[in-house]
Structure formats: structure tokens, C-alpha cells
Amino acid sequence: YLARISGYGDVPVDGQQSDADCAAIRRFQSRFGISPANGRAGATTADVARRISISVSAEELAKCGAGAGLSACVDLTTQTMWVVRDGAVVFGPTVMRTGMKGYATPAGTYSVFNRSPKAWSTPYKVWLYYWQNFVRGIGFHSTTTYLHDMGRGSHGCVNLLAGDAKTLYSTIGQGTTVRVFGRRPGT
């Protein structure tokens, strides 16, 4: 999968793991918050690389249905998201975590209607950094827990790595279209 994703170094698919392969894997692990970032491709690294690899394909990117303008695309099936401006990806794809069983993130087309760099969640008594609300009490924000623990889920929100939440906050804004599609496995 890593060979299909650009930006981490040349990873030949040859059945051998070189020092260069380990360095590319470590860069990938660091970028996506995988712990430990030790250059060894375990189950979490393989899963994240598979999901990102799927998400960079033209077929997958087209599932968002983003037209002219700016759209945030949330793929519940692969648990990835990206931003498209006038047909070109300007952020991502990156990993995310959405609603757990009983709190499924709803599919549909929405728009960002409330934003704050730091918002208090009254029901869950936690700060939501880079909060961007797009439907009812559901929005994008950074997570304080390990994102790759897929046994966990949110209460419907789109949880992002802190750096990704910050970048997303500066990339989209009030009124940006949010397209949520697919279905998170197990919900």
C-alpha cells in the first residue's frame, strides 16, 4: 500500500525490507500518529496504509461528489477524509474516527455553521480543539485519545489528529460544504 502513496520515499515491492523502506515506514507512521513509529509495518500501519491507498484512487475520490467550490469529504467506510476545491484535492486524504455503535455519524450533505478554535462540550465535559460544527452537535475536532484504537469511536463527531484538525480549520470555513458518505463498519 505504501508504494501506491506518494510522499514517503520510494518503496519497491520486492519482498525485502531495506533501511530505506524502514525510513519511509517511519515517516508514514509519524505523519499519521501511529505509535510506535519504529519503521516496522505492523497491523495498524498496514490498516492505515490500506485506507489511505484506497482514498487516493480516482474512483474513491469521486464518491464524494464534490463539484465546484470547496467541499470536505468524509468517507465513513474507509474512515478517511479530504478536502476538494474545484475538483482538486487540497488537503488529505487523512485518517479520522467517527461515531461508534449507537452514535453513528449521519451520512448526508451539510455545511459548516459554527466554528471555534476551542469549544467546550457540555455533555462530555471535554474541550474540542478546532471545532467545526456541521450537523446538530456533530462536527470536526481534534481527539485527545489514540485515533487508531478502532474499537473506540466518537459520539458522532469526526475525530482528527491534532495537526490535521488544525490544518482543516485553516483550510475550510463557515459555509463550507461537508459531504458525508458510506457507513462505518459496525454501526
Protein backbone atom coordinates (compact mmCIF):
# COMPACT_ATOMS: atom_id res chain seq x y z
CA TYR A 1 0.00 0.00 0.00
CA LEU A 2 2.76 2.44 0.88
CA ALA A 3 4.21 2.08 -2.62
CA ARG A 4 0.91 3.50 -4.01
CA ILE A 5 1.01 6.55 -1.74
CA SER A 6 3.45 9.30 -2.70
CA GLY A 7 5.48 11.44 -0.38
CA TYR A 8 7.18 8.96 1.95
CA GLY A 9 10.00 7.67 -0.20
CA ASP A 10 10.49 5.00 -2.85
CA VAL A 11 9.21 1.68 -1.53
CA PRO A 12 9.86 -1.08 -4.07
CA VAL A 13 7.52 -4.08 -3.80
CA ASP A 14 10.23 -6.74 -3.77
CA GLY A 15 9.68 -8.79 -0.61
CA GLN A 16 12.76 -7.30 1.05
CA GLN A 17 12.75 -4.69 3.79
CA SER A 18 15.65 -2.26 3.38
CA ASP A 19 16.81 0.62 5.58
CA ALA A 20 15.15 2.99 3.06
CA ASP A 21 11.86 1.06 3.43
CA CYS A 22 12.06 1.36 7.22
CA ALA A 23 12.71 5.11 6.93
CA ALA A 24 9.67 5.52 4.63
CA ILE A 25 7.51 3.48 7.00
CA ARG A 26 8.70 5.57 9.98
CA ARG A 27 7.84 8.83 8.11
CA PHE A 28 4.39 7.42 7.31
CA GLN A 29 3.84 6.32 10.93
CA SER A 30 4.90 9.72 12.26
CA ARG A 31 2.63 11.57 9.81
CA PHE A 32 -0.45 9.55 10.79
CA GLY A 33 0.17 9.38 14.56
CA ILE A 34 0.89 5.65 14.64
CA SER A 35 2.64 4.52 17.80
CA PRO A 36 5.29 3.30 17.97
CA ALA A 37 6.78 4.99 14.90
CA ASN A 38 9.54 2.41 14.67
CA GLY A 39 9.69 1.71 10.93
CA ARG A 40 8.14 -1.74 11.25
CA ALA A 41 4.84 -2.21 9.44
CA GLY A 42 2.53 -3.87 11.97
CA ALA A 43 -1.24 -4.28 11.77
CA THR A 44 -2.08 -0.62 12.49
CA THR A 45 0.41 0.68 9.91
CA ALA A 46 -0.93 -1.78 7.33
CA ASP A 47 -4.53 -0.77 8.05
CA VAL A 48 -3.83 2.96 7.81
CA ALA A 49 -1.78 2.50 4.62
CA ARG A 50 -4.60 0.41 3.10
CA ARG A 51 -7.20 3.05 3.94
CA ILE A 52 -5.11 5.95 2.59
CA SER A 53 -4.19 3.91 -0.50
CA ILE A 54 -7.89 3.35 -1.25
CA SER A 55 -8.68 7.01 -0.63
CA VAL A 56 -6.13 8.38 -3.11
CA SER A 57 -7.69 6.44 -6.01
CA ALA A 58 -9.72 8.46 -8.53
CA GLU A 59 -12.69 6.12 -8.03
CA GLU A 60 -12.77 6.73 -4.27
CA LEU A 61 -12.23 10.48 -4.57
CA ALA A 62 -15.18 10.65 -6.99
CA LYS A 63 -17.52 9.10 -4.39
CA CYS A 64 -17.59 12.44 -2.60
CA GLY A 65 -19.40 14.09 -5.48
CA ALA A 66 -17.67 17.40 -4.82
CA GLY A 67 -18.35 19.91 -7.58
CA ALA A 68 -17.22 23.49 -7.94
CA GLY A 69 -16.18 25.31 -4.81
CA LEU A 70 -14.85 23.88 -1.57
CA SER A 71 -16.04 20.59 -0.06
CA ALA A 72 -14.89 18.48 2.89
CA CYS A 73 -15.34 14.79 2.05
CA VAL A 74 -15.93 12.29 4.89
CA ASP A 75 -15.82 8.61 3.91
CA LEU A 76 -17.35 6.64 6.76
CA THR A 77 -16.47 3.28 5.16
CA THR A 78 -12.71 3.86 4.96
CA GLN A 79 -12.62 6.27 7.94
CA THR A 80 -10.75 8.84 5.85
CA MET A 81 -11.43 12.44 4.88
CA TRP A 82 -10.10 15.00 2.42
CA VAL A 83 -10.88 18.47 1.07
CA VAL A 84 -11.56 19.27 -2.59
CA ARG A 85 -11.50 22.73 -4.18
CA ASP A 86 -12.87 22.92 -7.73
CA GLY A 87 -12.08 19.25 -8.40
CA ALA A 88 -8.55 19.20 -6.92
CA VAL A 89 -7.64 17.68 -3.55
CA VAL A 90 -6.15 20.46 -1.40
CA PHE A 91 -5.91 18.54 1.90
CA GLY A 92 -5.62 14.84 2.66
CA PRO A 93 -6.69 12.17 2.42
CA THR A 94 -6.10 11.60 6.09
CA VAL A 95 -7.40 9.24 8.75
CA MET A 96 -10.23 10.01 11.13
CA ARG A 97 -12.56 8.26 13.56
CA THR A 98 -16.34 8.69 13.52
CA GLY A 99 -19.33 7.65 15.59
CA MET A 100 -19.37 4.32 17.40
CA LYS A 101 -22.33 1.95 17.51
CA GLY A 102 -25.37 3.82 18.76
CA TYR A 103 -23.79 7.17 17.79
CA ALA A 104 -23.32 6.75 14.03
CA THR A 105 -22.18 9.83 12.16
CA PRO A 106 -25.06 10.61 9.76
CA ALA A 107 -24.47 10.45 6.01
CA GLY A 108 -25.66 13.44 4.01
CA THR A 109 -24.67 16.85 2.69
CA TYR A 110 -24.25 19.62 5.25
CA SER A 111 -22.38 22.87 5.69
CA VAL A 112 -20.18 24.22 8.46
CA PHE A 113 -22.29 26.60 10.56
CA ASN A 114 -20.30 27.12 13.75
CA ARG A 115 -16.55 27.22 14.37
CA SER A 116 -14.24 27.83 17.29
CA PRO A 117 -10.56 27.09 17.86
CA LYS A 118 -11.58 25.80 21.33
CA ALA A 119 -15.13 24.85 22.29
CA TRP A 120 -16.44 23.22 25.46
CA SER A 121 -18.59 20.08 25.09
CA THR A 122 -21.16 20.35 27.85
CA PRO A 123 -22.47 16.76 27.62
CA TYR A 124 -18.99 15.15 27.52
CA LYS A 125 -17.13 17.71 29.65
CA VAL A 126 -14.14 18.00 27.34
CA TRP A 127 -12.50 20.71 25.23
CA LEU A 128 -12.94 20.32 21.48
CA TYR A 129 -10.00 21.92 19.69
CA TYR A 130 -10.52 23.24 16.16
CA TRP A 131 -14.27 22.66 16.44
CA GLN A 132 -16.27 22.92 13.18
CA ASN A 133 -19.95 22.05 13.60
CA PHE A 134 -21.82 20.80 10.52
CA VAL A 135 -24.95 18.93 11.73
CA ARG A 136 -26.72 19.13 15.13
CA GLY A 137 -23.99 18.67 17.78
CA ILE A 138 -21.66 16.89 15.34
CA GLY A 139 -18.53 18.37 13.82
CA PHE A 140 -14.82 18.07 13.14
CA HIS A 141 -12.37 18.38 16.04
CA SER A 142 -9.05 17.02 17.29
CA THR A 143 -9.03 13.99 19.52
CA THR A 144 -7.09 13.56 22.74
CA THR A 145 -7.21 9.75 22.56
CA TYR A 146 -5.25 7.38 20.32
CA LEU A 147 -7.03 7.74 16.99
CA HIS A 148 -6.13 4.25 15.77
CA ASP A 149 -7.93 2.37 18.52
CA MET A 150 -10.76 1.40 16.17
CA GLY A 151 -12.63 -0.32 19.00
CA ARG A 152 -13.39 3.21 20.14
CA GLY A 153 -15.48 5.76 18.37
CA SER A 154 -16.86 9.20 18.84
CA HIS A 155 -20.35 10.25 19.87
CA GLY A 156 -20.92 11.15 16.20
CA CYS A 157 -18.17 13.69 15.61
CA VAL A 158 -15.31 13.37 13.13
CA ASN A 159 -12.19 12.95 15.30
CA LEU A 160 -8.91 14.01 13.72
CA LEU A 161 -5.24 14.02 14.66
CA ALA A 162 -4.38 17.37 16.26
CA GLY A 163 -2.27 18.56 13.30
CA ASP A 164 -4.95 17.54 10.81
CA ALA A 165 -7.69 19.29 12.81
CA LYS A 166 -5.61 22.48 12.84
CA THR A 167 -4.89 22.27 9.09
CA LEU A 168 -8.55 21.55 8.33
CA TYR A 169 -9.56 24.56 10.46
CA SER A 170 -7.38 26.84 8.32
CA THR A 171 -8.47 25.17 5.03
CA ILE A 172 -12.28 25.27 5.31
CA GLY A 173 -14.60 27.79 6.92
CA GLN A 174 -18.11 28.90 7.70
CA GLY A 175 -20.46 27.67 4.95
CA THR A 176 -18.12 25.03 3.53
CA THR A 177 -20.00 22.02 2.15
CA VAL A 178 -19.44 18.78 4.09
CA ARG A 179 -20.27 15.56 2.24
CA VAL A 180 -20.55 12.50 4.49
CA PHE A 181 -20.99 9.17 2.72
CA GLY A 182 -20.61 5.42 3.25
CA ARG A 183 -21.09 3.61 6.52
CA ARG A 184 -18.67 2.92 9.36
CA PRO A 185 -18.33 -0.83 9.82
CA GLY A 186 -20.16 -1.98 12.93
CA THR A 187 -22.62 0.92 13.11
